Amino acid sequence: MHEELQERIEQVLRDKVRPAMGEHQGDIEVVDIKDGVLKVRFLGKCSNCPSASFTLESLVGSTIKEEIPEVKDVVLVTGVSDETWNMARSILDRKRAERNTNENRN
């Protein structure tokens, strides 16, 4: 049931939500679905948008709940995604290695 529900959610996101968010250079990812509560994270320009709560309520929540009655609530997860953290770590590691190489040359 969980896998089938997840597939239905992804289909609604793909067909009805992502096109609208894409017009604003944004996207959405599912973080978790449990006990009728769908947790999502906004990506791209939508992740820092001051209208995120409006988008969540008027677009994402209303569309998902209308199409998939098992979903009772949609919650926006804020904060930095794992992907962003990993990218930041990679950049810092590379800069640190460059700095160490330059210090060893001197």
N, C-alpha and C. Protein backbone atom coordinates (compact mmCIF):
# COMPACT_ATOMS: atom_id res chain seq x y z
N MET A 1 0.83 -1.20 0.00
CA MET A 1 0.00 0.00 0.00
C MET A 1 0.87 1.26 0.00
N HIS A 2 1.91 1.27 0.81
CA HIS A 2 2.76 2.45 0.93
C HIS A 2 3.42 2.78 -0.42
N GLU A 3 3.92 1.75 -1.10
CA GLU A 3 4.58 1.96 -2.39
C GLU A 3 3.59 2.46 -3.44
N GLU A 4 2.40 1.90 -3.43
CA GLU A 4 1.36 2.32 -4.38
C GLU A 4 0.94 3.77 -4.11
N LEU A 5 0.82 4.13 -2.85
CA LEU A 5 0.47 5.50 -2.47
C LEU A 5 1.56 6.46 -2.91
N GLN A 6 2.79 6.07 -2.70
CA GLN A 6 3.92 6.91 -3.09
C GLN A 6 3.93 7.13 -4.60
N GLU A 7 3.62 6.09 -5.37
CA GLU A 7 3.57 6.22 -6.82
C GLU A 7 2.47 7.17 -7.25
N ARG A 8 1.32 7.11 -6.59
CA ARG A 8 0.21 8.01 -6.91
C ARG A 8 0.57 9.45 -6.59
N ILE A 9 1.23 9.64 -5.46
CA ILE A 9 1.67 10.99 -5.08
C ILE A 9 2.64 11.53 -6.12
N GLU A 10 3.61 10.73 -6.51
CA GLU A 10 4.61 11.16 -7.50
C GLU A 10 3.93 11.51 -8.83
N GLN A 11 2.91 10.75 -9.20
CA GLN A 11 2.21 11.03 -10.46
C GLN A 11 1.49 12.38 -10.39
N VAL A 12 0.82 12.66 -9.28
CA VAL A 12 0.15 13.95 -9.12
C VAL A 12 1.16 15.08 -9.12
N LEU A 13 2.27 14.89 -8.44
CA LEU A 13 3.32 15.91 -8.43
C LEU A 13 3.83 16.15 -9.84
N ARG A 14 4.09 15.07 -10.55
CA ARG A 14 4.64 15.17 -11.90
C ARG A 14 3.66 15.84 -12.86
N ASP A 15 2.39 15.45 -12.78
CA ASP A 15 1.41 15.93 -13.76
C ASP A 15 0.81 17.28 -13.42
N LYS A 16 0.67 17.60 -12.14
CA LYS A 16 -0.10 18.79 -11.77
C LYS A 16 0.66 19.83 -10.95
N VAL A 17 1.64 19.42 -10.19
CA VAL A 17 2.33 20.36 -9.30
C VAL A 17 3.64 20.85 -9.91
N ARG A 18 4.48 19.93 -10.36
CA ARG A 18 5.80 20.33 -10.87
C ARG A 18 5.74 21.30 -12.05
N PRO A 19 4.79 21.14 -12.98
CA PRO A 19 4.75 22.13 -14.07
C PRO A 19 4.56 23.56 -13.56
N ALA A 20 3.70 23.75 -12.60
CA ALA A 20 3.47 25.09 -12.05
C ALA A 20 4.70 25.59 -11.30
N MET A 21 5.32 24.73 -10.52
CA MET A 21 6.51 25.14 -9.78
C MET A 21 7.68 25.39 -10.74
N GLY A 22 7.73 24.61 -11.81
CA GLY A 22 8.79 24.77 -12.80
C GLY A 22 8.75 26.13 -13.48
N GLU A 23 7.57 26.72 -13.58
CA GLU A 23 7.45 28.05 -14.17
C GLU A 23 8.20 29.09 -13.33
N HIS A 24 8.46 28.76 -12.08
CA HIS A 24 9.18 29.65 -11.17
C HIS A 24 10.58 29.11 -10.86
N GLN A 25 11.04 28.18 -11.69
CA GLN A 25 12.35 27.53 -11.54
C GLN A 25 12.47 26.80 -10.21
N GLY A 26 11.37 26.15 -9.81
CA GLY A 26 11.36 25.39 -8.57
C GLY A 26 10.96 23.95 -8.81
N ASP A 27 11.02 23.18 -7.77
CA ASP A 27 10.65 21.77 -7.82
C ASP A 27 10.23 21.35 -6.42
N ILE A 28 9.85 20.10 -6.29
CA ILE A 28 9.38 19.56 -5.02
C ILE A 28 9.85 18.13 -4.90
N GLU A 29 10.16 17.71 -3.68
CA GLU A 29 10.50 16.30 -3.44
C GLU A 29 9.73 15.82 -2.22
N VAL A 30 9.39 14.54 -2.26
CA VAL A 30 8.72 13.91 -1.13
C VAL A 30 9.78 13.52 -0.12
N VAL A 31 9.58 13.94 1.12
CA VAL A 31 10.48 13.58 2.20
C VAL A 31 9.98 12.33 2.90
N ASP A 32 8.66 12.28 3.17
CA ASP A 32 8.07 11.15 3.90
C ASP A 32 6.56 11.20 3.77
N ILE A 33 5.95 10.04 3.90
CA ILE A 33 4.50 9.94 4.01
C ILE A 33 4.21 8.94 5.13
N LYS A 34 3.48 9.43 6.14
CA LYS A 34 3.20 8.58 7.29
C LYS A 34 1.91 9.04 7.94
N ASP A 35 1.03 8.08 8.22
CA ASP A 35 -0.23 8.36 8.91
C ASP A 35 -1.03 9.48 8.24
N GLY A 36 -1.04 9.48 6.91
CA GLY A 36 -1.82 10.47 6.18
C GLY A 36 -1.18 11.84 6.07
N VAL A 37 0.04 11.98 6.58
CA VAL A 37 0.75 13.27 6.52
C VAL A 37 1.90 13.14 5.51
N LEU A 38 1.83 13.96 4.49
CA LEU A 38 2.86 14.01 3.46
C LEU A 38 3.82 15.14 3.78
N LYS A 39 5.10 14.81 3.90
CA LYS A 39 6.12 15.83 4.15
C LYS A 39 6.87 16.04 2.84
N VAL A 40 6.98 17.32 2.45
CA VAL A 40 7.64 17.66 1.20
C VAL A 40 8.68 18.75 1.45
N ARG A 41 9.60 18.85 0.51
CA ARG A 41 10.62 19.91 0.54
C ARG A 41 10.59 20.60 -0.81
N PHE A 42 10.60 21.93 -0.79
CA PHE A 42 10.69 22.69 -2.02
C PHE A 42 12.15 22.81 -2.42
N LEU A 43 12.39 22.77 -3.73
CA LEU A 43 13.74 22.84 -4.28
C LEU A 43 13.84 24.02 -5.24
N GLY A 44 15.05 24.34 -5.62
CA GLY A 44 15.27 25.42 -6.57
C GLY A 44 14.86 26.75 -5.97
N LYS A 45 14.37 27.63 -6.81
CA LYS A 45 14.00 28.96 -6.33
C LYS A 45 12.82 28.92 -5.37
N CYS A 46 12.02 27.86 -5.41
CA CYS A 46 10.89 27.76 -4.49
C CYS A 46 11.34 27.49 -3.05
N SER A 47 12.56 27.02 -2.87
CA SER A 47 13.02 26.66 -1.53
C SER A 47 13.20 27.87 -0.63
N ASN A 48 13.46 29.01 -1.19
CA ASN A 48 13.67 30.21 -0.39
C ASN A 48 12.62 31.28 -0.64
N CYS A 49 11.54 30.90 -1.28
CA CYS A 49 10.53 31.87 -1.67
C CYS A 49 9.68 32.31 -0.48
N PRO A 50 9.43 33.60 -0.35
CA PRO A 50 8.57 34.08 0.74
C PRO A 50 7.12 33.61 0.60
N SER A 51 6.75 33.17 -0.59
CA SER A 51 5.38 32.69 -0.82
C SER A 51 5.27 31.17 -0.69
N ALA A 52 6.26 30.52 -0.10
CA ALA A 52 6.27 29.06 -0.01
C ALA A 52 5.04 28.53 0.73
N SER A 53 4.63 29.18 1.80
CA SER A 53 3.47 28.68 2.55
C SER A 53 2.20 28.80 1.71
N PHE A 54 2.10 29.85 0.91
CA PHE A 54 0.95 30.01 0.02
C PHE A 54 0.97 28.92 -1.05
N THR A 55 2.13 28.66 -1.64
CA THR A 55 2.27 27.61 -2.65
C THR A 55 1.92 26.25 -2.05
N LEU A 56 2.38 26.01 -0.83
CA LEU A 56 2.08 24.75 -0.17
C LEU A 56 0.58 24.57 -0.02
N GLU A 57 -0.09 25.58 0.46
CA GLU A 57 -1.52 25.48 0.72
C GLU A 57 -2.35 25.50 -0.56
N SER A 58 -2.10 26.47 -1.42
CA SER A 58 -2.97 26.67 -2.57
C SER A 58 -2.70 25.73 -3.73
N LEU A 59 -1.49 25.29 -3.88
CA LEU A 59 -1.16 24.40 -5.00
C LEU A 59 -0.93 22.97 -4.55
N VAL A 60 0.06 22.77 -3.72
CA VAL A 60 0.47 21.41 -3.37
C VAL A 60 -0.59 20.72 -2.51
N GLY A 61 -0.92 21.31 -1.38
CA GLY A 61 -1.86 20.68 -0.46
C GLY A 61 -3.21 20.44 -1.07
N SER A 62 -3.77 21.46 -1.70
CA SER A 62 -5.11 21.30 -2.27
C SER A 62 -5.14 20.27 -3.39
N THR A 63 -4.13 20.27 -4.24
CA THR A 63 -4.08 19.32 -5.36
C THR A 63 -3.91 17.89 -4.85
N ILE A 64 -2.95 17.68 -3.96
CA ILE A 64 -2.69 16.33 -3.44
C ILE A 64 -3.91 15.80 -2.70
N LYS A 65 -4.48 16.59 -1.81
CA LYS A 65 -5.62 16.12 -1.01
C LYS A 65 -6.85 15.86 -1.87
N GLU A 66 -7.01 16.64 -2.93
CA GLU A 66 -8.14 16.43 -3.84
C GLU A 66 -7.97 15.13 -4.63
N GLU A 67 -6.76 14.88 -5.09
CA GLU A 67 -6.48 13.71 -5.92
C GLU A 67 -6.29 12.43 -5.11
N ILE A 68 -5.79 12.58 -3.89
CA ILE A 68 -5.44 11.41 -3.06
C ILE A 68 -6.03 11.61 -1.67
N PRO A 69 -7.26 11.15 -1.45
CA PRO A 69 -7.95 11.39 -0.18
C PRO A 69 -7.26 10.78 1.05
N GLU A 70 -6.38 9.81 0.83
CA GLU A 70 -5.65 9.22 1.96
C GLU A 70 -4.71 10.23 2.61
N VAL A 71 -4.31 11.24 1.84
CA VAL A 71 -3.43 12.28 2.37
C VAL A 71 -4.31 13.31 3.06
N LYS A 72 -4.13 13.45 4.35
CA LYS A 72 -4.95 14.36 5.16
C LYS A 72 -4.28 15.71 5.36
N ASP A 73 -2.95 15.73 5.28
CA ASP A 73 -2.23 16.99 5.49
C ASP A 73 -0.93 16.94 4.71
N VAL A 74 -0.48 18.11 4.28
CA VAL A 74 0.80 18.24 3.59
C VAL A 74 1.62 19.27 4.36
N VAL A 75 2.84 18.87 4.74
CA VAL A 75 3.69 19.69 5.59
C VAL A 75 4.98 20.01 4.84
N LEU A 76 5.37 21.27 4.91
CA LEU A 76 6.61 21.70 4.28
C LEU A 76 7.77 21.52 5.25
N VAL A 77 8.77 20.76 4.81
CA VAL A 77 9.99 20.58 5.58
C VAL A 77 10.97 21.64 5.11
N THR A 78 11.42 22.45 6.04
CA THR A 78 12.37 23.50 5.67
C THR A 78 13.76 23.12 6.16
N GLY A 79 14.71 23.89 5.76
CA GLY A 79 16.09 23.59 6.13
C GLY A 79 16.86 23.15 4.91
N VAL A 80 18.08 22.86 5.13
CA VAL A 80 18.97 22.51 4.04
C VAL A 80 18.86 21.03 3.74
N SER A 81 18.73 20.71 2.47
CA SER A 81 18.63 19.31 2.06
C SER A 81 19.98 18.61 2.18
N ASP A 82 19.94 17.29 2.26
CA ASP A 82 21.17 16.50 2.32
C ASP A 82 22.04 16.76 1.09
N GLU A 83 21.40 16.93 -0.06
CA GLU A 83 22.13 17.19 -1.29
C GLU A 83 22.93 18.48 -1.19
N THR A 84 22.33 19.51 -0.63
CA THR A 84 23.02 20.80 -0.48
C THR A 84 24.16 20.68 0.52
N TRP A 85 23.91 20.00 1.64
CA TRP A 85 24.98 19.79 2.63
C TRP A 85 26.16 19.05 2.00
N ASN A 86 25.87 18.00 1.24
CA ASN A 86 26.94 17.22 0.62
C ASN A 86 27.72 18.06 -0.39
N MET A 87 27.03 18.90 -1.15
CA MET A 87 27.70 19.77 -2.10
C MET A 87 28.59 20.77 -1.36
N ALA A 88 28.08 21.35 -0.28
CA ALA A 88 28.87 22.30 0.51
C ALA A 88 30.11 21.63 1.10
N ARG A 89 29.94 20.43 1.62
CA ARG A 89 31.10 19.71 2.18
C ARG A 89 32.15 19.45 1.11
N SER A 90 31.69 19.06 -0.06
CA SER A 90 32.61 18.77 -1.16
C SER A 90 33.40 20.02 -1.55
N ILE A 91 32.73 21.15 -1.64
CA ILE A 91 33.40 22.41 -1.97
C ILE A 91 34.41 22.78 -0.90
N LEU A 92 34.01 22.67 0.38
CA LEU A 92 34.93 23.01 1.47
C LEU A 92 36.13 22.07 1.51
N ASP A 93 35.89 20.78 1.28
CA ASP A 93 37.00 19.82 1.26
C ASP A 93 37.98 20.15 0.14
N ARG A 94 37.46 20.51 -1.02
CA ARG A 94 38.30 20.85 -2.16
C ARG A 94 39.11 22.12 -1.86
N LYS A 95 38.47 23.13 -1.27
CA LYS A 95 39.17 24.37 -0.92
C LYS A 95 40.25 24.12 0.13
N ARG A 96 39.93 23.28 1.11
CA ARG A 96 40.90 22.95 2.16
C ARG A 96 42.11 22.24 1.55
N ALA A 97 41.86 21.31 0.64
CA ALA A 97 42.96 20.59 0.00
C ALA A 97 43.82 21.54 -0.83
N GLU A 98 43.19 22.48 -1.54
CA GLU A 98 43.93 23.46 -2.33
C GLU A 98 44.79 24.34 -1.42
N ARG A 99 44.22 24.78 -0.30
CA ARG A 99 44.94 25.63 0.63
C ARG A 99 46.15 24.87 1.21
N ASN A 100 45.94 23.62 1.59
CA ASN A 100 47.04 22.81 2.14
C ASN A 100 48.13 22.60 1.11
N THR A 101 47.75 22.38 -0.14
CA THR A 101 48.74 22.20 -1.21
C THR A 101 49.55 23.47 -1.39
N ASN A 102 48.86 24.61 -1.39
CA ASN A 102 49.57 25.90 -1.56
C ASN A 102 50.48 26.19 -0.37
N GLU A 103 50.06 25.86 0.84
CA GLU A 103 50.89 26.08 2.03
C GLU A 103 52.12 25.20 2.02
N ASN A 104 51.98 23.97 1.53
CA ASN A 104 53.12 23.06 1.47
C ASN A 104 54.15 23.48 0.42
N ARG A 105 53.70 24.22 -0.59
CA ARG A 105 54.62 24.68 -1.63
C ARG A 105 55.49 25.82 -1.11
N ASN A 106 54.96 26.56 -0.16
CA ASN A 106 55.70 27.73 0.36
C ASN A 106 56.63 27.30 1.41
